[in-house]
Amino acid sequence: MSSSSAHTKVKRAWVEAQVVRADGAVEDLGVIADTSLWRRLLRVLPAFLLPGIGATLVVNAGRAVVTNRLVNGTLPPIFIGWGTGAGTTAAADTILFTESAETRATATASQQTSSTTNDTYRLVGTLTATATRIILNAGAFDAVSAGNLFFKSDFLAINLASGDGITFTFNIVFA
């Protein structure tokens, strides 16, 4: 085993979404962003051929969130928010693209098994629109306001009316 393969790293991250309309109708959007290689390669295809492909990263500041949690016992990154601005997620990002006015939601965190026991950090939470919104990105933070961005994803537009919500499922697999 090489020394580089012995280090912990993010193996894969993806986001799933369900839109819950104000009238109770549910639209399962499935995977809306993914880091897997085939998804990134296929991202160059027109959106009508492969909808919902977006960039997804544990950003650089997210690494600090993890080490701060381990060293200082700070809050885990369980607060989710969404943004209405366009852009492509990058490792140096520290905020969402135009974070929306809705208060961040507290998501439920759990450990899941993808390849080895408890190698996946999963967050599930719902945000509800207080006005008409076009949601283009979402992320997880270690605080209900301000705080440090841990995980960020951009994706194709999700149109919401006031009262509609999105249940996000963020999955981060560590190798």
C-alpha atoms as a PDB file:
ATOM      1  CA  MET A   1       0.000   0.000   0.000  1.00  0.00           C
ATOM      2  CA  SER A   2       1.431   3.356  -0.991  1.00  0.00           C
ATOM      3  CA  SER A   3       1.607   6.103   1.583  1.00  0.00           C
ATOM      4  CA  SER A   4      -0.919   8.191  -0.343  1.00  0.00           C
ATOM      5  CA  SER A   5      -3.529   5.418  -0.342  1.00  0.00           C
ATOM      6  CA  ALA A   6      -3.241   5.054   3.435  1.00  0.00           C
ATOM      7  CA  HIS A   7      -4.632   8.556   4.040  1.00  0.00           C
ATOM      8  CA  THR A   8      -8.298   9.278   4.584  1.00  0.00           C
ATOM      9  CA  LYS A   9      -9.925  11.185   1.742  1.00  0.00           C
ATOM     10  CA  VAL A  10     -13.367  11.771   0.328  1.00  0.00           C
ATOM     11  CA  LYS A  11     -14.029   8.914  -2.053  1.00  0.00           C
ATOM     12  CA  ARG A  12     -17.396  10.120  -3.341  1.00  0.00           C
ATOM     13  CA  ALA A  13     -20.021  12.697  -2.474  1.00  0.00           C
ATOM     14  CA  TRP A  14     -23.493  13.090  -3.904  1.00  0.00           C
ATOM     15  CA  VAL A  15     -26.743  14.907  -3.253  1.00  0.00           C
ATOM     16  CA  GLU A  16     -30.270  13.607  -3.675  1.00  0.00           C
ATOM     17  CA  ALA A  17     -33.372  15.794  -3.550  1.00  0.00           C
ATOM     18  CA  GLN A  18     -37.127  15.562  -3.244  1.00  0.00           C
ATOM     19  CA  VAL A  19     -39.324  18.580  -3.850  1.00  0.00           C
ATOM     20  CA  VAL A  20     -42.329  18.740  -1.538  1.00  0.00           C
ATOM     21  CA  ARG A  21     -44.881  21.107  -3.048  1.00  0.00           C
ATOM     22  CA  ALA A  22     -47.111  23.253  -0.856  1.00  0.00           C
ATOM     23  CA  ASP A  23     -50.104  21.151  -1.990  1.00  0.00           C
ATOM     24  CA  GLY A  24     -48.415  17.971  -0.681  1.00  0.00           C
ATOM     25  CA  ALA A  25     -47.255  16.623  -4.062  1.00  0.00           C
ATOM     26  CA  VAL A  26     -43.771  15.065  -3.949  1.00  0.00           C
ATOM     27  CA  GLU A  27     -41.321  15.095  -6.860  1.00  0.00           C
ATOM     28  CA  ASP A  28     -38.336  12.778  -6.399  1.00  0.00           C
ATOM     29  CA  LEU A  29     -35.436  14.343  -8.309  1.00  0.00           C
ATOM     30  CA  GLY A  30     -33.019  11.523  -7.443  1.00  0.00           C
ATOM     31  CA  VAL A  31     -29.296  12.346  -7.596  1.00  0.00           C
ATOM     32  CA  ILE A  32     -28.874  16.022  -8.468  1.00  0.00           C
ATOM     33  CA  ALA A  33     -25.079  16.253  -8.032  1.00  0.00           C
ATOM     34  CA  ASP A  34     -22.293  13.687  -7.815  1.00  0.00           C
ATOM     35  CA  THR A  35     -18.488  13.562  -7.644  1.00  0.00           C
ATOM     36  CA  SER A  36     -18.127  10.182  -9.315  1.00  0.00           C
ATOM     37  CA  LEU A  37     -15.848  10.266 -12.352  1.00  0.00           C
ATOM     38  CA  TRP A  38     -18.424   9.196 -14.919  1.00  0.00           C
ATOM     39  CA  ARG A  39     -20.797  11.916 -13.745  1.00  0.00           C
ATOM     40  CA  ARG A  40     -18.062  14.572 -13.998  1.00  0.00           C
ATOM     41  CA  LEU A  41     -17.049  13.395 -17.461  1.00  0.00           C
ATOM     42  CA  LEU A  42     -20.638  13.335 -18.654  1.00  0.00           C
ATOM     43  CA  ARG A  43     -21.262  16.820 -17.277  1.00  0.00           C
ATOM     44  CA  VAL A  44     -20.164  18.227 -20.622  1.00  0.00           C
ATOM     45  CA  LEU A  45     -23.287  16.749 -22.259  1.00  0.00           C
ATOM     46  CA  PRO A  46     -26.261  19.030 -22.781  1.00  0.00           C
ATOM     47  CA  ALA A  47     -28.559  19.175 -19.770  1.00  0.00           C
ATOM     48  CA  PHE A  48     -31.427  17.526 -21.644  1.00  0.00           C
ATOM     49  CA  LEU A  49     -29.288  14.393 -22.141  1.00  0.00           C
ATOM     50  CA  LEU A  50     -28.070  14.120 -18.563  1.00  0.00           C
ATOM     51  CA  PRO A  51     -30.101  16.325 -16.229  1.00  0.00           C
ATOM     52  CA  GLY A  52     -29.100  17.239 -12.717  1.00  0.00           C
ATOM     53  CA  ILE A  53     -25.336  16.986 -12.888  1.00  0.00           C
ATOM     54  CA  GLY A  54     -23.561  19.413 -10.597  1.00  0.00           C
ATOM     55  CA  ALA A  55     -20.262  19.865  -8.807  1.00  0.00           C
ATOM     56  CA  THR A  56     -20.131  18.502  -5.263  1.00  0.00           C
ATOM     57  CA  LEU A  57     -17.253  18.976  -2.802  1.00  0.00           C
ATOM     58  CA  VAL A  58     -16.170  18.881   0.783  1.00  0.00           C
ATOM     59  CA  VAL A  59     -14.585  22.329   0.443  1.00  0.00           C
ATOM     60  CA  ASN A  60     -11.207  23.274   1.943  1.00  0.00           C
ATOM     61  CA  ALA A  61     -12.901  24.954   4.911  1.00  0.00           C
ATOM     62  CA  GLY A  62     -14.760  21.665   5.426  1.00  0.00           C
ATOM     63  CA  ARG A  63     -11.480  19.992   6.312  1.00  0.00           C
ATOM     64  CA  ALA A  64     -11.043  22.561   9.064  1.00  0.00           C
ATOM     65  CA  VAL A  65     -14.583  21.795  10.263  1.00  0.00           C
ATOM     66  CA  VAL A  66     -13.639  18.121  10.635  1.00  0.00           C
ATOM     67  CA  THR A  67     -10.366  18.741  12.463  1.00  0.00           C
ATOM     68  CA  ASN A  68     -11.931  21.425  14.674  1.00  0.00           C
ATOM     69  CA  ARG A  69     -14.667  18.952  15.592  1.00  0.00           C
ATOM     70  CA  LEU A  70     -12.093  16.298  16.463  1.00  0.00           C
ATOM     71  CA  VAL A  71      -9.838  18.625  18.473  1.00  0.00           C
ATOM     72  CA  ASN A  72     -12.334  20.989  20.103  1.00  0.00           C
ATOM     73  CA  GLY A  73     -15.591  19.055  20.105  1.00  0.00           C
ATOM     74  CA  THR A  74     -17.410  21.823  18.192  1.00  0.00           C
ATOM     75  CA  LEU A  75     -20.829  21.400  16.595  1.00  0.00           C
ATOM     76  CA  PRO A  76     -20.958  18.976  13.694  1.00  0.00           C
ATOM     77  CA  PRO A  77     -21.827  20.325  10.237  1.00  0.00           C
ATOM     78  CA  ILE A  78     -25.590  19.679  10.500  1.00  0.00           C
ATOM     79  CA  PHE A  79     -27.060  23.004   9.370  1.00  0.00           C
ATOM     80  CA  ILE A  80     -28.159  23.135   5.736  1.00  0.00           C
ATOM     81  CA  GLY A  81     -28.832  26.124   3.525  1.00  0.00           C
ATOM     82  CA  TRP A  82     -29.536  26.810  -0.134  1.00  0.00           C
ATOM     83  CA  GLY A  83     -28.577  29.450  -2.636  1.00  0.00           C
ATOM     84  CA  THR A  84     -30.168  31.175  -5.594  1.00  0.00           C
ATOM     85  CA  GLY A  85     -26.987  32.351  -7.339  1.00  0.00           C
ATOM     86  CA  ALA A  86     -25.334  30.535 -10.220  1.00  0.00           C
ATOM     87  CA  GLY A  87     -21.772  29.232 -10.100  1.00  0.00           C
ATOM     88  CA  THR A  88     -19.612  26.132 -10.072  1.00  0.00           C
ATOM     89  CA  THR A  89     -18.579  24.787  -6.693  1.00  0.00           C
ATOM     90  CA  ALA A  90     -14.841  25.068  -6.024  1.00  0.00           C
ATOM     91  CA  ALA A  91     -12.633  23.831  -3.201  1.00  0.00           C
ATOM     92  CA  ALA A  92     -11.862  27.392  -2.049  1.00  0.00           C
ATOM     93  CA  ASP A  93     -15.559  28.322  -1.587  1.00  0.00           C
ATOM     94  CA  THR A  94     -16.534  29.465   1.910  1.00  0.00           C
ATOM     95  CA  ILE A  95     -20.152  30.498   1.239  1.00  0.00           C
ATOM     96  CA  LEU A  96     -23.058  29.479  -0.961  1.00  0.00           C
ATOM     97  CA  PHE A  97     -23.809  31.381  -4.145  1.00  0.00           C
ATOM     98  CA  THR A  98     -26.347  33.981  -2.900  1.00  0.00           C
ATOM     99  CA  GLU A  99     -27.613  32.145   0.181  1.00  0.00           C
ATOM    100  CA  SER A 100     -31.385  32.501   0.405  1.00  0.00           C
ATOM    101  CA  ALA A 101     -33.166  34.355   3.206  1.00  0.00           C
ATOM    102  CA  GLU A 102     -34.699  31.226   4.762  1.00  0.00           C
ATOM    103  CA  THR A 103     -33.164  30.185   8.066  1.00  0.00           C
ATOM    104  CA  ARG A 104     -30.848  27.202   7.762  1.00  0.00           C
ATOM    105  CA  ALA A 105     -32.461  23.928   8.762  1.00  0.00           C
ATOM    106  CA  THR A 106     -31.012  21.471  11.232  1.00  0.00           C
ATOM    107  CA  ALA A 107     -30.470  18.207   9.383  1.00  0.00           C
ATOM    108  CA  THR A 108     -30.349  14.720  10.845  1.00  0.00           C
ATOM    109  CA  ALA A 109     -26.855  13.246  10.688  1.00  0.00           C
ATOM    110  CA  SER A 110     -26.137   9.539  10.513  1.00  0.00           C
ATOM    111  CA  GLN A 111     -23.417   7.079   9.643  1.00  0.00           C
ATOM    112  CA  GLN A 112     -24.028   4.789   6.690  1.00  0.00           C
ATOM    113  CA  THR A 113     -22.043   1.994   5.119  1.00  0.00           C
ATOM    114  CA  SER A 114     -20.963   2.274   1.481  1.00  0.00           C
ATOM    115  CA  SER A 115     -17.733   0.221   1.266  1.00  0.00           C
ATOM    116  CA  THR A 116     -16.671  -0.242   4.876  1.00  0.00           C
ATOM    117  CA  THR A 117     -18.652   0.063   8.108  1.00  0.00           C
ATOM    118  CA  ASN A 118     -19.683   3.663   8.868  1.00  0.00           C
ATOM    119  CA  ASP A 119     -17.592   5.181   6.045  1.00  0.00           C
ATOM    120  CA  THR A 120     -20.394   7.536   4.942  1.00  0.00           C
ATOM    121  CA  TYR A 121     -21.604  10.751   6.600  1.00  0.00           C
ATOM    122  CA  ARG A 122     -25.252  11.384   5.661  1.00  0.00           C
ATOM    123  CA  LEU A 123     -27.280  14.525   6.319  1.00  0.00           C
ATOM    124  CA  VAL A 124     -31.011  14.676   5.645  1.00  0.00           C
ATOM    125  CA  GLY A 125     -32.918  17.914   6.060  1.00  0.00           C
ATOM    126  CA  THR A 126     -35.723  19.971   4.576  1.00  0.00           C
ATOM    127  CA  LEU A 127     -35.815  23.659   3.707  1.00  0.00           C
ATOM    128  CA  THR A 128     -39.083  25.423   2.850  1.00  0.00           C
ATOM    129  CA  ALA A 129     -39.371  28.464   0.582  1.00  0.00           C
ATOM    130  CA  THR A 130     -40.962  31.582   2.052  1.00  0.00           C
ATOM    131  CA  ALA A 131     -41.299  33.102  -1.441  1.00  0.00           C
ATOM    132  CA  THR A 132     -40.841  32.022  -5.062  1.00  0.00           C
ATOM    133  CA  ARG A 133     -37.265  30.743  -5.430  1.00  0.00           C
ATOM    134  CA  ILE A 134     -34.955  29.207  -8.028  1.00  0.00           C
ATOM    135  CA  ILE A 135     -32.531  27.026  -6.069  1.00  0.00           C
ATOM    136  CA  LEU A 136     -29.139  26.416  -7.713  1.00  0.00           C
ATOM    137  CA  ASN A 137     -26.876  25.246  -4.860  1.00  0.00           C
ATOM    138  CA  ALA A 138     -26.946  23.902  -1.327  1.00  0.00           C
ATOM    139  CA  GLY A 139     -24.519  23.187   1.454  1.00  0.00           C
ATOM    140  CA  ALA A 140     -23.886  22.168   5.037  1.00  0.00           C
ATOM    141  CA  PHE A 141     -22.437  24.384   7.759  1.00  0.00           C
ATOM    142  CA  ASP A 142     -21.281  24.023  11.366  1.00  0.00           C
ATOM    143  CA  ALA A 143     -23.539  26.872  12.571  1.00  0.00           C
ATOM    144  CA  VAL A 144     -27.139  27.977  12.067  1.00  0.00           C
ATOM    145  CA  SER A 145     -25.902  31.365  10.796  1.00  0.00           C
ATOM    146  CA  ALA A 146     -22.471  32.377   9.493  1.00  0.00           C
ATOM    147  CA  GLY A 147     -20.213  29.482  10.530  1.00  0.00           C
ATOM    148  CA  ASN A 148     -17.975  27.404   8.308  1.00  0.00           C
ATOM    149  CA  LEU A 149     -19.051  25.797   5.053  1.00  0.00           C
ATOM    150  CA  PHE A 150     -18.354  22.052   5.128  1.00  0.00           C
ATOM    151  CA  PHE A 151     -19.966  20.710   1.977  1.00  0.00           C
ATOM    152  CA  LYS A 152     -21.288  22.439  -1.133  1.00  0.00           C
ATOM    153  CA  SER A 153     -23.061  21.362  -4.272  1.00  0.00           C
ATOM    154  CA  ASP A 154     -24.349  23.164  -7.340  1.00  0.00           C
ATOM    155  CA  PHE A 155     -26.994  21.709  -9.644  1.00  0.00           C
ATOM    156  CA  LEU A 156     -29.577  22.551 -12.287  1.00  0.00           C
ATOM    157  CA  ALA A 157     -32.371  24.932 -11.268  1.00  0.00           C
ATOM    158  CA  ILE A 158     -35.106  23.702  -8.942  1.00  0.00           C
ATOM    159  CA  ASN A 159     -38.110  26.045  -9.190  1.00  0.00           C
ATOM    160  CA  LEU A 160     -40.133  26.543  -6.040  1.00  0.00           C
ATOM    161  CA  ALA A 161     -43.275  28.463  -5.165  1.00  0.00           C
ATOM    162  CA  SER A 162     -43.815  29.874  -1.691  1.00  0.00           C
ATOM    163  CA  GLY A 163     -44.491  26.968   0.676  1.00  0.00           C
ATOM    164  CA  ASP A 164     -42.646  24.399  -1.472  1.00  0.00           C
ATOM    165  CA  GLY A 165     -39.675  22.675   0.113  1.00  0.00           C
ATOM    166  CA  ILE A 166     -36.741  20.470  -0.749  1.00  0.00           C
ATOM    167  CA  THR A 167     -35.580  17.522   1.302  1.00  0.00           C
ATOM    168  CA  PHE A 168     -31.854  17.180   0.663  1.00  0.00           C
ATOM    169  CA  THR A 169     -29.824  14.059   1.348  1.00  0.00           C
ATOM    170  CA  PHE A 170     -26.088  14.801   1.407  1.00  0.00           C
ATOM    171  CA  ASN A 171     -23.793  11.758   1.295  1.00  0.00           C
ATOM    172  CA  ILE A 172     -20.021  11.914   1.822  1.00  0.00           C
ATOM    173  CA  VAL A 173     -18.067   8.650   1.582  1.00  0.00           C
ATOM    174  CA  PHE A 174     -14.609   8.540   3.132  1.00  0.00           C
ATOM    175  CA  ALA A 175     -11.957   6.161   1.821  1.00  0.00           C
END
